[in-house]
Protein backbone atom coordinates (compact mmCIF):
# COMPACT_ATOMS: atom_id res chain seq x y z
CA MET A 1 97.00 76.50 76.48
CA THR A 2 99.43 75.89 79.29
CA THR A 3 98.70 73.26 81.91
CA ASN A 4 101.46 74.26 84.32
CA LYS A 5 100.22 74.44 87.90
CA VAL A 6 101.03 77.47 90.06
CA SER A 7 101.50 76.97 93.79
CA ILE A 8 100.52 80.04 95.82
CA ILE A 9 102.24 79.92 99.22
CA ILE A 10 100.89 82.18 101.95
CA PRO A 11 102.63 82.42 105.34
CA CYS A 12 100.09 83.61 107.88
CA TYR A 13 100.19 85.09 111.38
CA ASN A 14 97.29 86.98 112.98
CA ALA A 15 95.91 88.02 109.58
CA LEU A 16 92.20 87.65 110.29
CA PRO A 17 91.33 91.24 109.23
CA PHE A 18 92.95 90.71 105.80
CA ILE A 19 93.06 87.03 104.87
CA LYS A 20 89.58 86.83 103.31
CA GLU A 21 90.34 89.71 100.91
CA THR A 22 93.67 88.11 100.05
CA LEU A 23 92.05 84.73 99.36
CA ASP A 24 89.32 86.37 97.26
CA CYS A 25 91.98 87.82 94.96
CA VAL A 26 93.66 84.40 94.79
CA PHE A 27 90.61 82.28 94.02
CA ASN A 28 89.33 84.88 91.54
CA GLN A 29 92.52 84.78 89.48
CA THR A 30 91.86 84.36 85.77
CA TYR A 31 94.43 81.54 85.82
CA LYS A 32 92.67 78.54 87.37
CA ASN A 33 95.33 75.82 87.55
CA ILE A 34 96.47 76.77 91.04
CA GLU A 35 96.94 75.27 94.46
CA VAL A 36 96.84 77.50 97.54
CA ILE A 37 98.98 76.54 100.52
CA ILE A 38 98.50 78.54 103.72
CA VAL A 39 100.96 77.93 106.55
CA ASP A 40 99.84 79.42 109.87
CA ASP A 41 102.65 80.46 112.21
CA GLY A 42 100.73 80.25 115.49
CA SER A 43 98.00 82.85 115.05
CA THR A 44 96.12 83.83 118.20
CA ASP A 45 93.40 85.98 116.64
CA GLY A 46 91.24 83.20 115.20
CA THR A 47 92.92 83.12 111.78
CA LEU A 48 93.59 79.37 111.81
CA GLU A 49 90.07 78.62 113.05
CA PHE A 50 88.65 80.69 110.18
CA LEU A 51 90.88 78.96 107.64
CA LYS A 52 89.70 75.55 108.85
CA THR A 53 86.13 76.48 107.94
CA LEU A 54 87.10 76.91 104.28
CA SER A 55 86.60 74.06 101.86
CA SER A 56 88.23 73.88 98.45
CA PRO A 57 89.90 70.97 96.64
CA ASN A 58 92.93 73.13 95.82
CA LEU A 59 93.40 74.62 99.31
CA ILE A 60 95.87 73.25 101.86
CA VAL A 61 95.99 74.73 105.38
CA LYS A 62 98.78 73.66 107.73
CA PRO A 63 100.00 74.91 111.14
CA ASN A 64 103.72 75.55 111.65
CA SER A 65 103.60 77.34 114.98
CA GLY A 66 106.20 79.89 116.02
CA LYS A 67 108.83 79.17 113.38
CA GLY A 68 108.62 82.41 111.41
CA ALA A 69 107.60 83.47 107.90
CA CYS A 70 110.68 82.02 106.18
CA ALA A 71 110.11 78.59 107.74
CA ALA A 72 106.45 78.82 106.73
CA ARG A 73 107.43 79.54 103.12
CA ASN A 74 109.91 76.66 103.10
CA TYR A 75 107.30 74.29 104.53
CA GLY A 76 104.81 75.48 101.94
CA PHE A 77 107.34 74.91 99.18
CA LYS A 78 107.90 71.33 100.36
CA LEU A 79 104.14 70.72 100.30
CA SER A 80 103.72 72.26 96.85
CA SER A 81 103.60 70.57 93.46
CA GLY A 82 103.39 73.52 91.05
CA ALA A 83 105.79 74.24 88.21
CA TYR A 84 105.70 77.91 89.23
CA LEU A 85 105.71 79.46 92.70
CA GLN A 86 103.87 82.57 93.86
CA PHE A 87 104.84 83.67 97.37
CA LEU A 88 102.12 85.95 98.76
CA ASP A 89 101.90 87.68 102.14
CA ALA A 90 98.61 87.18 103.97
CA ASP A 91 97.63 90.87 103.88
CA ASP A 92 98.64 91.65 100.29
CA LEU A 93 96.72 91.47 97.01
CA LEU A 94 97.30 90.64 93.35
CA SER A 95 95.61 92.00 90.25
CA LEU A 96 93.26 89.27 89.06
CA ASP A 97 95.23 88.53 85.87
CA LYS A 98 98.69 88.69 87.47
CA ILE A 99 99.37 84.97 87.51
CA GLU A 100 97.91 84.33 84.06
CA LYS A 101 100.01 86.96 82.33
CA GLN A 102 103.19 86.05 84.18
CA VAL A 103 102.71 82.36 83.40
CA ASN A 104 102.18 83.20 79.74
CA ASP A 105 105.50 85.06 79.76
CA LEU A 106 107.43 82.30 81.54
CA ASP A 107 106.00 79.54 79.36
CA LEU A 108 107.85 81.15 76.44
CA LEU A 109 111.13 81.57 78.34
CA SER A 110 113.49 79.00 79.79
CA ASN A 111 114.38 79.41 83.49
CA HIS A 112 113.49 83.08 83.64
CA VAL A 113 111.71 84.80 86.53
CA SER A 114 108.80 87.17 86.06
CA VAL A 115 108.31 90.43 87.96
CA CYS A 116 105.67 93.15 88.04
CA SER A 117 105.28 96.56 89.66
CA THR A 118 104.10 96.96 93.26
CA ALA A 119 101.50 99.48 94.41
CA HIS A 120 101.96 100.44 98.08
CA PHE A 121 98.64 101.14 99.78
CA TYR A 122 97.12 101.67 103.24
CA HIS A 123 93.40 101.10 102.76
CA GLU A 124 92.35 101.14 99.09
CA PRO A 125 94.60 99.24 96.66
CA GLU A 126 93.45 101.35 93.71
CA HIS A 127 95.02 104.36 95.46
CA GLY A 128 98.37 102.63 95.82
CA ILE A 129 101.60 104.39 94.85
CA ILE A 130 104.12 102.76 92.49
CA THR A 131 107.78 103.75 92.82
CA ASP A 132 109.60 100.96 91.00
CA HIS A 133 108.98 101.66 87.29
CA ASP A 134 112.53 102.82 86.56
CA PHE A 135 114.05 99.67 88.10
CA LEU A 136 111.95 96.98 86.41
CA TYR A 137 112.60 95.78 82.88
CA SER A 138 113.11 92.60 80.88
CA THR A 139 116.70 91.47 80.51
CA GLU A 140 118.96 88.52 79.78
CA SER A 141 121.48 89.94 82.31
CA PRO A 142 119.94 89.21 85.72
CA LYS A 143 123.04 90.27 87.69
CA ASP A 144 122.99 93.71 86.09
CA PHE A 145 119.27 93.91 86.91
CA LEU A 146 120.10 93.39 90.59
CA ILE A 147 122.98 95.88 90.65
CA ASN A 148 120.71 98.52 89.12
CA LEU A 149 118.08 97.72 91.73
CA TYR A 150 120.57 98.12 94.58
CA GLY A 151 121.89 101.47 93.34
CA ALA A 152 124.39 101.27 90.46
CA ASN A 153 124.69 105.06 90.33
CA GLY A 154 125.28 105.30 94.07
CA LYS A 155 122.11 107.24 94.91
CA ASP A 156 118.96 105.77 93.36
CA TYR A 157 117.78 102.39 94.62
CA ASN A 158 114.61 100.39 95.09
CA MET A 159 113.32 96.98 96.17
CA VAL A 160 111.04 94.34 94.70
CA GLN A 161 108.39 93.18 97.13
CA THR A 162 107.98 89.42 97.65
CA SER A 163 104.65 88.99 95.90
CA ALA A 164 105.72 90.77 92.69
CA TRP A 165 107.65 87.71 91.53
CA LEU A 166 106.56 84.50 89.85
CA THR A 167 109.32 81.90 89.84
CA PRO A 168 109.87 78.48 88.24
CA ARG A 169 110.36 75.66 90.71
CA ALA A 170 113.58 74.63 88.96
CA VAL A 171 115.14 78.05 89.60
CA ILE A 172 114.26 77.94 93.31
CA GLU A 173 115.65 74.42 93.62
CA LYS A 174 118.91 75.67 92.12
CA ALA A 175 119.05 78.82 94.28
CA GLY A 176 118.08 77.19 97.58
CA LEU A 177 115.23 77.88 99.98
CA TRP A 178 114.61 80.84 102.30
CA ASP A 179 117.20 81.56 104.99
CA GLU A 180 115.27 80.93 108.21
CA THR A 181 117.88 82.73 110.33
CA LEU A 182 117.05 86.12 108.79
CA SER A 183 114.42 88.41 110.29
CA LYS A 184 114.78 91.39 107.92
CA ASP A 185 115.49 91.63 104.17
CA GLN A 186 114.96 87.88 103.98
CA ASP A 187 112.99 88.41 100.76
CA GLY A 188 115.75 90.54 99.25
CA GLU A 189 118.38 87.93 100.10
CA PHE A 190 116.23 85.06 98.80
CA PHE A 191 115.29 86.70 95.51
CA CYS A 192 118.87 87.84 94.95
CA ARG A 193 119.85 84.16 94.91
CA VAL A 194 116.84 83.32 92.75
CA VAL A 195 117.54 86.02 90.16
CA VAL A 196 121.28 85.19 90.06
CA ASN A 197 120.35 81.59 89.24
CA ALA A 198 117.85 82.56 86.54
CA GLN A 199 118.71 83.01 82.89
CA GLY A 200 116.83 86.28 82.70
CA VAL A 201 114.10 88.54 84.07
CA SER A 202 110.77 89.16 82.35
CA TYR A 203 108.93 92.33 83.36
CA GLN A 204 105.15 92.19 82.99
CA PRO A 205 103.91 95.81 82.96
CA GLU A 206 100.20 95.04 82.65
CA VAL A 207 99.67 93.54 86.12
CA LYS A 208 100.31 94.61 89.72
CA ASN A 209 101.13 93.39 93.18
CA TYR A 210 99.46 95.37 95.97
CA TYR A 211 101.52 95.73 99.15
CA ARG A 212 99.58 96.74 102.24
CA LYS A 213 101.35 99.25 104.49
CA HIS A 214 100.34 99.61 108.13
CA VAL A 215 99.93 103.00 109.79
CA ALA A 216 101.49 101.77 113.04
CA GLY A 217 104.66 100.70 111.20
CA GLU A 218 104.17 96.98 111.81
CA ASN A 219 105.75 95.90 108.52
CA ILE A 220 109.11 94.13 108.89
CA ALA A 221 110.74 96.83 106.75
CA ASN A 222 109.93 99.42 109.44
CA GLN A 223 111.52 97.56 112.34
CA LYS A 224 114.84 98.74 113.79
CA GLN A 225 115.62 96.26 116.54
CA ARG A 226 119.19 94.95 116.78
CA ARG A 227 118.28 91.53 115.38
CA HIS A 228 116.70 93.16 112.33
CA LEU A 229 119.77 95.29 111.67
CA GLU A 230 122.06 92.28 112.09
CA SER A 231 119.85 90.36 109.69
CA GLN A 232 120.05 93.21 107.19
CA PHE A 233 123.86 93.20 107.50
CA ARG A 234 124.03 89.47 106.73
CA ALA A 235 121.60 89.87 103.83
CA ILE A 236 123.84 92.53 102.27
CA GLU A 237 126.85 90.25 102.66
CA SER A 238 124.99 87.43 100.92
CA LYS A 239 123.99 89.70 98.02
CA LEU A 240 127.53 91.04 97.74
CA ASN A 241 128.91 87.51 97.49
CA GLN A 242 126.23 86.39 95.02
CA LEU A 243 127.25 89.20 92.69
CA LYS A 244 131.01 88.97 93.31
CA ILE A 245 131.70 88.35 89.62
CA LEU A 246 130.97 92.08 89.16
CA GLU A 247 133.17 93.24 92.07
CA ASN A 248 135.59 95.18 89.86
CA THR A 249 132.86 97.28 88.26
CA VAL A 250 131.97 100.80 89.34
CA ALA A 251 128.29 99.85 89.47
CA TYR A 252 128.95 97.03 91.98
CA LYS A 253 131.02 99.29 94.25
CA ASN A 254 128.49 102.11 94.04
CA ALA A 255 125.56 99.80 94.78
CA PHE A 256 127.02 98.10 97.82
CA ALA A 257 128.64 101.24 99.21
CA LEU A 258 125.13 102.68 99.12
CA GLN A 259 123.54 99.58 100.67
CA TYR A 260 126.01 99.59 103.57
CA LYS A 261 125.48 103.32 104.12
CA LEU A 262 121.71 102.84 104.23
CA LEU A 263 122.25 100.25 106.95
CA ALA A 264 124.62 102.59 108.80
CA ILE A 265 121.99 105.32 108.72
CA ASP A 266 119.34 102.92 110.06
CA ALA A 267 121.62 101.80 112.90
CA TYR A 268 122.76 105.25 114.07
CA PRO A 269 122.80 106.30 116.89
CA GLU A 270 121.11 103.44 118.79
CA PHE A 271 123.47 100.71 117.55
CA LYS A 272 126.84 102.36 117.01
CA ASP A 273 128.73 99.08 116.63
CA ILE A 274 126.59 98.10 113.65
CA TYR A 275 126.91 101.64 112.31
CA LYS A 276 130.71 101.44 112.47
CA MET A 277 130.88 98.09 110.68
CA ALA A 278 128.48 99.22 107.97
CA ILE A 279 130.10 102.61 107.36
CA THR A 280 133.57 101.00 107.29
CA ASN A 281 132.38 98.55 104.63
CA SER A 282 130.81 101.38 102.68
CA LYS A 283 134.05 103.37 102.70
CA ALA A 284 136.05 100.29 101.67
CA LEU A 285 133.93 100.18 98.50
CA GLY A 286 134.58 103.85 97.76
CA GLY A 287 131.99 105.42 100.06
CA SER A 288 128.62 106.93 99.30
CA SER A 289 127.49 110.56 99.11
CA TYR A 290 123.88 109.56 99.71
CA GLU A 291 122.03 111.85 102.15
CA PRO A 292 118.84 110.54 103.76
CA VAL A 293 115.53 112.34 104.08
CA LEU A 294 114.92 112.16 107.83
CA GLY A 295 111.68 114.01 108.50
CA GLY A 296 110.02 117.40 108.63
CA ASN A 297 111.42 120.87 108.06
CA ILE A 298 113.13 121.23 111.45
CA ILE A 299 114.93 117.88 111.16
CA GLU A 300 116.01 118.68 107.62
CA ILE A 301 117.38 122.08 108.68
CA VAL A 302 119.41 120.37 111.41
CA LYS A 303 120.67 117.87 108.82
CA VAL A 304 121.76 120.54 106.36
CA THR A 305 123.43 122.57 109.13
CA PHE A 306 125.08 119.88 111.23
CA GLY A 307 124.95 116.65 109.17
CA TRP A 308 122.67 113.61 109.13
CA LYS A 309 124.15 112.05 112.29
CA LYS A 310 123.37 115.09 114.44
CA ALA A 311 119.93 115.25 112.84
CA LYS A 312 119.25 111.62 113.74
CA ILE A 313 120.31 112.21 117.35
CA PHE A 314 117.99 115.23 117.49
CA LYS A 315 115.14 113.22 115.97
CA LEU A 316 115.65 110.43 118.52
CA PHE A 317 115.62 113.02 121.30
CA LEU A 318 112.30 114.43 120.06
CA HIS A 319 110.79 110.93 119.96
CA GLN A 320 111.95 110.26 123.51
CA ILE A 321 110.36 113.51 124.69
CA LYS A 322 107.07 112.57 122.99
CA ASP A 323 107.15 109.10 124.56
CA LEU A 324 107.83 110.66 127.98
CA ILE A 325 104.87 113.01 127.61
CA LYS A 326 102.57 110.15 126.56
CA SER A 327 103.60 108.05 129.55
CA LYS A 328 102.56 110.75 132.04
């Protein structure tokens, strides 16, 4: 039986409503050789005070106020001693045998990373929806795995959520730590480097990661501020460069033309300078015919009739009207 320790690193900020459930799923893992490192980023809701009441020989709680989730993960990594690393967000959950089965896979493979499917849920994890089956598989060609994930056919793409991975320390040390300057897609950029530096990907279909979605759209993936879009732009550039060995392939051009167009769609019309840079880069790679789904029937009719840009302007106008009505 393996004796490899797993370090579970949890960045935490104002997670008091969720952290107990997250820790229950961690300490009830069937794999027991773990250490749990929680790095609090300046919580103001009593999270840190609650964490300080917990007592366990394999629990480390440290403050790292106001430096962000990436800095918290890097600090946690420096404190860790495990052969494998599990990054886990403070409001997410893992199936109770996730770590055990992924460790069993990695113990048989040299410098591979393990991944599982993610169920997206709001309240009950058992009702979560999985959308990533077609993009996850075991392979000795990690770069091709990433290109397929990003959209090798130019239209179908997906993402792997942070907590779905289990990663050997040696692979992370080779790839480098989290980029603390990024505020969006920092996990995609980090795990691109990790997967590129691995010898292969092992997909474990029997376990799950449960990603909690928030009704108010508080997840980083839902944020559209300028700094988030600029971060997304830099993350795409990093991925593009990491996979440059494939730059002459159709799959590479399709995938990154699509990724730049997705960013252009996100940026339009509020941030037209970012839109122009992203759409120019997309066209330089051959362009993308991808058409977004923007909303309800009326928005979709506008899109079909006048194009997605006009539909986005109309959608923004409707939101502004609603906000104006609410403010009165």
